[in-house]
N, C-alpha and C. Protein backbone atom coordinates (compact mmCIF):
# COMPACT_ATOMS: atom_id res chain seq x y z
N MET A 1 68.68 76.53 124.37
CA MET A 1 69.23 77.75 124.90
C MET A 1 68.36 78.23 126.05
N SER A 2 68.99 78.56 127.14
CA SER A 2 68.27 79.03 128.31
C SER A 2 67.68 80.40 128.04
N THR A 3 66.47 80.63 128.50
CA THR A 3 65.84 81.93 128.32
C THR A 3 66.42 82.97 129.25
N SER A 4 67.21 82.56 130.27
CA SER A 4 67.81 83.53 131.17
C SER A 4 69.10 84.13 130.60
N VAL A 5 69.65 83.52 129.56
CA VAL A 5 70.87 84.04 128.94
C VAL A 5 70.47 85.03 127.85
N LYS A 6 70.99 86.26 127.97
CA LYS A 6 70.67 87.29 126.98
C LYS A 6 71.64 87.18 125.81
N PRO A 7 71.16 87.34 124.57
CA PRO A 7 72.04 87.23 123.42
C PRO A 7 73.12 88.31 123.39
N ILE A 8 72.86 89.47 123.97
CA ILE A 8 73.86 90.52 124.13
C ILE A 8 74.00 90.74 125.64
N PRO A 9 75.18 90.45 126.19
CA PRO A 9 75.35 90.59 127.65
C PRO A 9 74.98 92.00 128.11
N PRO A 10 74.43 92.13 129.31
CA PRO A 10 73.93 93.43 129.77
C PRO A 10 75.01 94.50 129.91
N ASP A 11 76.27 94.13 130.06
CA ASP A 11 77.32 95.13 130.22
C ASP A 11 78.04 95.44 128.91
N MET A 12 77.48 95.00 127.78
CA MET A 12 78.11 95.21 126.47
C MET A 12 77.22 96.09 125.60
N HIS A 13 77.87 96.82 124.70
CA HIS A 13 77.16 97.60 123.68
C HIS A 13 77.09 96.76 122.40
N THR A 14 76.32 97.19 121.45
CA THR A 14 76.16 96.44 120.21
C THR A 14 77.49 96.33 119.45
N VAL A 15 78.24 97.42 119.39
CA VAL A 15 79.54 97.41 118.73
C VAL A 15 80.62 97.57 119.79
N THR A 16 81.59 96.67 119.77
CA THR A 16 82.69 96.71 120.72
C THR A 16 84.00 96.59 119.95
N PRO A 17 84.88 97.58 120.06
CA PRO A 17 86.17 97.45 119.38
C PRO A 17 86.95 96.24 119.93
N HIS A 18 87.64 95.55 119.04
CA HIS A 18 88.52 94.44 119.41
C HIS A 18 89.82 94.71 118.68
N ILE A 19 90.83 95.19 119.41
CA ILE A 19 92.06 95.63 118.78
C ILE A 19 93.19 94.64 119.01
N ILE A 20 94.12 94.62 118.08
CA ILE A 20 95.27 93.73 118.14
C ILE A 20 96.50 94.59 118.44
N CYS A 21 97.30 94.13 119.39
CA CYS A 21 98.45 94.92 119.86
C CYS A 21 99.74 94.13 119.74
N SER A 22 100.84 94.83 119.54
CA SER A 22 102.15 94.19 119.53
C SER A 22 102.56 93.80 120.95
N ASP A 23 101.96 94.42 121.94
CA ASP A 23 102.22 94.13 123.36
C ASP A 23 100.94 94.46 124.13
N ALA A 24 100.01 93.52 124.16
CA ALA A 24 98.71 93.78 124.78
C ALA A 24 98.83 94.12 126.27
N ALA A 25 99.75 93.46 126.99
CA ALA A 25 99.93 93.77 128.41
C ALA A 25 100.38 95.21 128.59
N GLY A 26 101.31 95.66 127.75
CA GLY A 26 101.77 97.05 127.80
C GLY A 26 100.65 98.00 127.42
N ALA A 27 99.85 97.63 126.43
CA ALA A 27 98.73 98.47 126.01
C ALA A 27 97.72 98.62 127.14
N ILE A 28 97.44 97.53 127.85
CA ILE A 28 96.51 97.61 128.99
C ILE A 28 97.03 98.61 130.02
N ASP A 29 98.32 98.53 130.34
CA ASP A 29 98.91 99.48 131.30
C ASP A 29 98.79 100.91 130.78
N PHE A 30 99.06 101.13 129.49
CA PHE A 30 98.93 102.46 128.91
C PHE A 30 97.49 102.96 129.01
N TYR A 31 96.51 102.12 128.65
CA TYR A 31 95.11 102.55 128.68
C TYR A 31 94.66 102.88 130.10
N LYS A 32 95.20 102.19 131.08
CA LYS A 32 94.89 102.51 132.48
C LYS A 32 95.40 103.91 132.82
N LYS A 33 96.65 104.19 132.45
CA LYS A 33 97.26 105.50 132.76
C LYS A 33 96.67 106.61 131.91
N ALA A 34 96.52 106.35 130.62
CA ALA A 34 96.11 107.39 129.69
C ALA A 34 94.62 107.71 129.73
N PHE A 35 93.79 106.68 129.85
CA PHE A 35 92.34 106.86 129.71
C PHE A 35 91.55 106.44 130.94
N GLY A 36 92.23 106.07 132.02
CA GLY A 36 91.54 105.62 133.22
C GLY A 36 90.83 104.29 133.05
N ALA A 37 91.35 103.44 132.16
CA ALA A 37 90.72 102.14 131.90
C ALA A 37 90.76 101.25 133.14
N THR A 38 89.78 100.39 133.22
CA THR A 38 89.71 99.34 134.24
C THR A 38 89.84 98.01 133.53
N GLU A 39 90.75 97.17 133.99
CA GLU A 39 90.91 95.85 133.39
C GLU A 39 89.80 94.94 133.89
N LEU A 40 89.05 94.34 132.96
CA LEU A 40 87.94 93.46 133.31
C LEU A 40 88.30 92.00 133.20
N ALA A 41 89.16 91.66 132.25
CA ALA A 41 89.50 90.26 132.04
C ALA A 41 90.83 90.17 131.31
N ARG A 42 91.55 89.05 131.58
CA ARG A 42 92.79 88.77 130.85
C ARG A 42 92.97 87.26 130.80
N LEU A 43 93.08 86.74 129.59
CA LEU A 43 93.31 85.32 129.38
C LEU A 43 94.73 85.17 128.83
N PRO A 44 95.64 84.58 129.62
CA PRO A 44 97.02 84.43 129.16
C PRO A 44 97.11 83.50 127.95
N GLY A 45 98.04 83.83 127.06
CA GLY A 45 98.29 83.00 125.89
C GLY A 45 99.34 81.95 126.18
N PRO A 46 99.56 81.06 125.23
CA PRO A 46 100.49 79.95 125.46
C PRO A 46 101.94 80.37 125.67
N ASN A 47 102.36 81.50 125.15
CA ASN A 47 103.74 81.95 125.29
C ASN A 47 103.89 83.11 126.26
N GLY A 48 102.96 83.22 127.21
CA GLY A 48 103.02 84.28 128.20
C GLY A 48 102.40 85.59 127.75
N GLY A 49 101.91 85.65 126.53
CA GLY A 49 101.27 86.87 126.03
C GLY A 49 99.81 86.93 126.46
N VAL A 50 99.05 87.75 125.78
CA VAL A 50 97.63 87.92 126.08
C VAL A 50 96.81 87.35 124.92
N MET A 51 96.08 86.28 125.20
CA MET A 51 95.21 85.65 124.20
C MET A 51 93.96 86.51 124.01
N HIS A 52 93.44 87.04 125.11
CA HIS A 52 92.24 87.89 125.07
C HIS A 52 92.19 88.69 126.36
N ALA A 53 91.80 89.94 126.25
CA ALA A 53 91.60 90.79 127.42
C ALA A 53 90.48 91.76 127.12
N MET A 54 89.96 92.36 128.18
CA MET A 54 88.95 93.39 128.01
C MET A 54 89.16 94.46 129.07
N VAL A 55 89.10 95.71 128.60
CA VAL A 55 89.16 96.86 129.51
C VAL A 55 87.90 97.68 129.32
N ARG A 56 87.57 98.45 130.34
CA ARG A 56 86.44 99.38 130.26
C ARG A 56 87.01 100.79 130.34
N ILE A 57 86.64 101.61 129.36
CA ILE A 57 87.00 103.02 129.33
C ILE A 57 85.69 103.78 129.35
N GLY A 58 85.46 104.53 130.43
CA GLY A 58 84.17 105.19 130.59
C GLY A 58 83.08 104.14 130.67
N ASP A 59 82.10 104.21 129.77
CA ASP A 59 81.01 103.24 129.79
C ASP A 59 81.16 102.17 128.70
N SER A 60 82.35 102.09 128.10
CA SER A 60 82.53 101.20 126.95
C SER A 60 83.64 100.19 127.18
N ASN A 61 83.44 99.01 126.64
CA ASN A 61 84.45 97.96 126.71
C ASN A 61 85.28 97.95 125.43
N VAL A 62 86.54 97.62 125.58
CA VAL A 62 87.44 97.41 124.45
C VAL A 62 88.11 96.06 124.67
N MET A 63 88.00 95.18 123.68
CA MET A 63 88.68 93.89 123.74
C MET A 63 90.03 94.05 123.06
N LEU A 64 91.03 93.30 123.54
CA LEU A 64 92.33 93.35 122.91
C LEU A 64 93.07 92.04 123.09
N ALA A 65 94.06 91.85 122.24
CA ALA A 65 94.87 90.64 122.27
C ALA A 65 96.21 90.94 121.63
N ASP A 66 97.18 90.08 121.93
CA ASP A 66 98.47 90.17 121.24
C ASP A 66 98.29 89.71 119.80
N GLU A 67 99.12 90.27 118.93
CA GLU A 67 99.07 89.83 117.54
C GLU A 67 99.53 88.38 117.44
N MET A 68 98.96 87.69 116.48
CA MET A 68 99.32 86.30 116.21
C MET A 68 99.41 86.14 114.69
N PRO A 69 100.56 86.49 114.14
CA PRO A 69 100.71 86.46 112.68
C PRO A 69 100.37 85.10 112.06
N ASN A 70 100.64 84.01 112.77
CA ASN A 70 100.32 82.69 112.22
C ASN A 70 98.82 82.46 112.12
N CYS A 71 98.03 83.31 112.77
CA CYS A 71 96.56 83.22 112.68
C CYS A 71 95.98 84.37 111.86
N GLY A 72 96.86 85.15 111.20
CA GLY A 72 96.39 86.28 110.39
C GLY A 72 96.02 87.50 111.20
N SER A 73 96.54 87.61 112.42
CA SER A 73 96.20 88.70 113.32
C SER A 73 97.44 89.59 113.52
N ALA A 74 97.42 90.80 112.95
CA ALA A 74 98.57 91.70 113.01
C ALA A 74 98.18 93.03 113.65
N SER A 75 99.14 93.63 114.32
CA SER A 75 98.93 94.91 114.99
C SER A 75 99.28 96.07 114.05
N PRO A 76 98.89 97.30 114.41
CA PRO A 76 99.28 98.46 113.60
C PRO A 76 100.80 98.61 113.50
N THR A 77 101.54 98.16 114.50
CA THR A 77 103.00 98.24 114.45
C THR A 77 103.52 97.38 113.29
N THR A 78 103.00 96.18 113.17
CA THR A 78 103.41 95.28 112.09
C THR A 78 102.91 95.79 110.74
N LEU A 79 101.70 96.33 110.72
CA LEU A 79 101.09 96.81 109.47
C LEU A 79 101.59 98.19 109.06
N LYS A 80 102.39 98.83 109.89
CA LYS A 80 102.92 100.18 109.63
C LYS A 80 101.81 101.23 109.59
N GLY A 81 100.81 101.07 110.46
CA GLY A 81 99.74 102.06 110.56
C GLY A 81 98.38 101.41 110.67
N THR A 82 97.38 102.24 110.83
CA THR A 82 96.00 101.77 110.94
C THR A 82 95.06 102.76 110.27
N PRO A 83 94.01 102.28 109.59
CA PRO A 83 93.01 103.18 109.03
C PRO A 83 91.89 103.48 110.03
N VAL A 84 91.98 102.91 111.24
CA VAL A 84 90.91 103.02 112.23
C VAL A 84 91.29 103.99 113.33
N THR A 85 90.36 104.83 113.73
CA THR A 85 90.54 105.70 114.88
C THR A 85 89.45 105.37 115.89
N LEU A 86 89.86 105.16 117.14
CA LEU A 86 88.92 104.94 118.24
C LEU A 86 88.62 106.31 118.85
N HIS A 87 87.35 106.61 119.05
CA HIS A 87 86.95 107.95 119.51
C HIS A 87 86.46 107.90 120.95
N LEU A 88 86.96 108.83 121.76
CA LEU A 88 86.55 108.95 123.16
C LEU A 88 85.92 110.31 123.41
N TYR A 89 84.72 110.32 123.96
CA TYR A 89 84.17 111.56 124.50
C TYR A 89 84.53 111.61 125.97
N VAL A 90 85.06 112.75 126.41
CA VAL A 90 85.49 112.93 127.79
C VAL A 90 84.96 114.26 128.32
N GLU A 91 84.96 114.40 129.64
CA GLU A 91 84.47 115.63 130.27
C GLU A 91 85.35 116.84 129.95
N ASP A 92 86.68 116.64 129.92
CA ASP A 92 87.64 117.73 129.69
C ASP A 92 88.71 117.22 128.74
N VAL A 93 88.56 117.52 127.46
CA VAL A 93 89.48 116.98 126.45
C VAL A 93 90.91 117.47 126.66
N ASP A 94 91.08 118.69 127.10
CA ASP A 94 92.45 119.20 127.29
C ASP A 94 93.17 118.42 128.39
N ALA A 95 92.49 118.20 129.51
CA ALA A 95 93.10 117.45 130.61
C ALA A 95 93.28 115.98 130.22
N GLY A 96 92.28 115.39 129.58
CA GLY A 96 92.37 113.99 129.17
C GLY A 96 93.47 113.77 128.14
N PHE A 97 93.58 114.68 127.21
CA PHE A 97 94.61 114.58 126.17
C PHE A 97 95.99 114.71 126.80
N ALA A 98 96.16 115.67 127.70
CA ALA A 98 97.45 115.85 128.38
C ALA A 98 97.83 114.59 129.15
N ARG A 99 96.86 113.97 129.81
CA ARG A 99 97.11 112.73 130.56
C ARG A 99 97.58 111.62 129.62
N ALA A 100 96.96 111.50 128.45
CA ALA A 100 97.34 110.47 127.49
C ALA A 100 98.74 110.71 126.93
N ILE A 101 99.09 111.95 126.69
CA ILE A 101 100.43 112.28 126.19
C ILE A 101 101.46 112.02 127.29
N GLU A 102 101.15 112.40 128.51
CA GLU A 102 102.05 112.14 129.65
C GLU A 102 102.27 110.63 129.83
N ALA A 103 101.28 109.82 129.54
CA ALA A 103 101.38 108.37 129.69
C ALA A 103 102.18 107.72 128.55
N GLY A 104 102.48 108.48 127.49
CA GLY A 104 103.30 107.94 126.42
C GLY A 104 102.70 108.05 125.03
N GLY A 105 101.53 108.67 124.91
CA GLY A 105 100.93 108.88 123.59
C GLY A 105 101.68 109.97 122.83
N THR A 106 101.44 110.04 121.52
CA THR A 106 102.07 111.03 120.65
C THR A 106 100.99 111.89 120.01
N THR A 107 101.14 113.19 120.09
CA THR A 107 100.17 114.11 119.51
C THR A 107 100.18 114.02 117.99
N VAL A 108 99.01 113.81 117.41
CA VAL A 108 98.82 113.91 115.97
C VAL A 108 98.19 115.27 115.66
N MET A 109 97.19 115.64 116.44
CA MET A 109 96.53 116.95 116.33
C MET A 109 96.12 117.37 117.72
N PRO A 110 96.63 118.48 118.23
CA PRO A 110 96.25 118.90 119.59
C PRO A 110 94.78 119.29 119.65
N PRO A 111 94.18 119.26 120.84
CA PRO A 111 92.77 119.65 120.96
C PRO A 111 92.53 121.05 120.38
N THR A 112 91.50 121.11 119.54
CA THR A 112 91.16 122.32 118.80
C THR A 112 89.64 122.43 118.75
N ASP A 113 89.12 123.65 118.81
CA ASP A 113 87.68 123.85 118.65
C ASP A 113 87.32 123.59 117.19
N MET A 114 86.35 122.69 116.97
CA MET A 114 86.01 122.27 115.62
C MET A 114 84.62 122.78 115.21
N PHE A 115 84.41 122.81 113.89
CA PHE A 115 83.19 123.37 113.32
C PHE A 115 81.93 122.62 113.70
N TRP A 116 82.03 121.39 114.14
CA TRP A 116 80.84 120.61 114.48
C TRP A 116 80.45 120.77 115.95
N GLY A 117 81.21 121.59 116.70
CA GLY A 117 80.83 121.90 118.08
C GLY A 117 81.64 121.18 119.14
N ASP A 118 82.58 120.34 118.75
CA ASP A 118 83.43 119.65 119.71
C ASP A 118 84.80 120.32 119.80
N ARG A 119 85.41 120.22 120.95
CA ARG A 119 86.85 120.47 121.08
C ARG A 119 87.46 119.09 120.92
N TYR A 120 88.37 118.94 119.95
CA TYR A 120 88.74 117.63 119.43
C TYR A 120 90.23 117.56 119.17
N GLY A 121 90.85 116.42 119.54
CA GLY A 121 92.26 116.20 119.25
C GLY A 121 92.50 114.73 118.92
N VAL A 122 93.66 114.44 118.32
CA VAL A 122 94.00 113.08 117.91
C VAL A 122 95.39 112.74 118.41
N LEU A 123 95.54 111.51 118.92
CA LEU A 123 96.85 111.03 119.36
C LEU A 123 97.04 109.60 118.91
N LYS A 124 98.30 109.19 118.90
CA LYS A 124 98.64 107.80 118.60
C LYS A 124 99.17 107.19 119.88
N ASP A 125 98.71 105.98 120.21
CA ASP A 125 99.23 105.32 121.40
C ASP A 125 100.55 104.63 121.06
N PRO A 126 101.31 104.20 122.07
CA PRO A 126 102.61 103.60 121.80
C PRO A 126 102.55 102.28 121.01
N TYR A 127 101.35 101.76 120.79
CA TYR A 127 101.17 100.48 120.10
C TYR A 127 100.61 100.66 118.70
N GLY A 128 100.56 101.93 118.23
CA GLY A 128 100.17 102.23 116.86
C GLY A 128 98.71 102.52 116.63
N HIS A 129 97.89 102.45 117.69
CA HIS A 129 96.46 102.74 117.52
C HIS A 129 96.21 104.24 117.57
N SER A 130 95.28 104.70 116.75
CA SER A 130 94.90 106.10 116.68
C SER A 130 93.66 106.32 117.56
N TRP A 131 93.73 107.36 118.38
CA TRP A 131 92.62 107.71 119.28
C TRP A 131 92.28 109.18 119.08
N SER A 132 91.01 109.49 118.90
CA SER A 132 90.56 110.87 118.93
C SER A 132 89.84 111.08 120.26
N MET A 133 89.95 112.29 120.77
CA MET A 133 89.29 112.63 122.04
C MET A 133 88.54 113.93 121.83
N ALA A 134 87.39 114.04 122.46
CA ALA A 134 86.59 115.26 122.29
C ALA A 134 85.74 115.53 123.52
N THR A 135 85.43 116.81 123.66
CA THR A 135 84.42 117.28 124.60
C THR A 135 83.44 118.10 123.77
N HIS A 136 82.16 117.77 123.84
CA HIS A 136 81.14 118.52 123.10
C HIS A 136 80.93 119.85 123.78
N LYS A 137 81.09 120.94 123.02
CA LYS A 137 81.00 122.29 123.58
C LYS A 137 79.78 123.08 123.11
N ARG A 138 79.34 122.82 121.86
CA ARG A 138 78.23 123.59 121.30
C ARG A 138 77.33 122.68 120.48
N ASP A 139 76.04 122.84 120.63
CA ASP A 139 75.09 122.18 119.75
C ASP A 139 74.97 123.05 118.51
N MET A 140 75.10 122.43 117.35
CA MET A 140 75.14 123.18 116.09
C MET A 140 74.02 122.71 115.17
N THR A 141 73.45 123.64 114.42
CA THR A 141 72.51 123.28 113.37
C THR A 141 73.33 122.84 112.15
N PRO A 142 72.74 122.09 111.23
CA PRO A 142 73.47 121.73 110.01
C PRO A 142 73.96 122.97 109.24
N GLU A 143 73.17 124.03 109.25
CA GLU A 143 73.55 125.25 108.55
C GLU A 143 74.78 125.90 109.22
N GLN A 144 74.79 125.93 110.55
CA GLN A 144 75.95 126.49 111.26
C GLN A 144 77.20 125.65 110.98
N MET A 145 77.07 124.33 111.01
CA MET A 145 78.22 123.46 110.74
C MET A 145 78.75 123.69 109.33
N ASP A 146 77.85 123.80 108.36
CA ASP A 146 78.25 124.01 106.97
C ASP A 146 79.01 125.33 106.83
N LYS A 147 78.48 126.39 107.43
CA LYS A 147 79.12 127.71 107.37
C LYS A 147 80.51 127.66 108.03
N GLU A 148 80.60 127.08 109.23
CA GLU A 148 81.88 127.04 109.95
C GLU A 148 82.88 126.10 109.26
N MET A 149 82.39 125.02 108.66
CA MET A 149 83.28 124.11 107.93
C MET A 149 83.91 124.84 106.74
N LYS A 150 83.11 125.59 106.00
CA LYS A 150 83.62 126.33 104.84
C LYS A 150 84.65 127.36 105.29
N GLU A 151 84.40 128.04 106.41
CA GLU A 151 85.36 129.02 106.93
C GLU A 151 86.66 128.33 107.34
N MET A 152 86.54 127.18 108.01
CA MET A 152 87.73 126.45 108.45
C MET A 152 88.53 125.95 107.25
N MET A 153 87.86 125.39 106.25
CA MET A 153 88.56 124.83 105.09
C MET A 153 89.25 125.92 104.27
N ALA A 154 88.70 127.13 104.25
CA ALA A 154 89.32 128.22 103.52
C ALA A 154 90.69 128.59 104.12
N ASN A 155 90.85 128.35 105.42
CA ASN A 155 92.10 128.71 106.11
C ASN A 155 92.90 127.50 106.57
N TRP A 156 92.50 126.30 106.16
CA TRP A 156 93.09 125.06 106.67
C TRP A 156 94.47 124.78 106.12
N LYS A 157 95.36 124.38 107.00
CA LYS A 157 96.68 123.90 106.64
C LYS A 157 96.82 122.51 107.25
N PRO A 158 97.21 121.52 106.46
CA PRO A 158 97.33 120.18 107.02
C PRO A 158 98.38 120.13 108.12
N PRO A 159 98.17 119.25 109.13
CA PRO A 159 99.17 119.13 110.20
C PRO A 159 100.49 118.63 109.66
N ALA A 160 101.56 119.07 110.27
CA ALA A 160 102.91 118.60 109.89
C ALA A 160 103.01 117.11 110.14
N GLN A 161 103.59 116.39 109.23
CA GLN A 161 103.76 114.94 109.38
C GLN A 161 105.11 114.60 109.94
């Protein structure tokens, strides 16, 4: 192994999401419109789909590919949901969230001031992936968070499904 090759490429973080999409090409277009993503790479698959791609959102890379059920690779659309939420910190959550909804996302929870100091909202992209977006507004002590969490939970009503 060459000593000039780094085990973790310099433009990558330790953890990088790798998501499976029912239409990776469409997802790339959505992420460009919704989140200002830049396409870094795209490897076409044998049937004209996307075997592998990578986009950069802010300072982070996201890998993605079309689902391949014969290889055990299914998208949230096929699975009827996802337990995973991808989180984005942005400069202005209200503007960023509106942009994502305008691009075709669906509101799960509109941006709201939260007890941990972020203004935070959740949306679903057209390909079934869940994204939360936030702007950090206040630095909070653990005691402040605990107090505000208890106040919020006393008045909390779950979002309409």
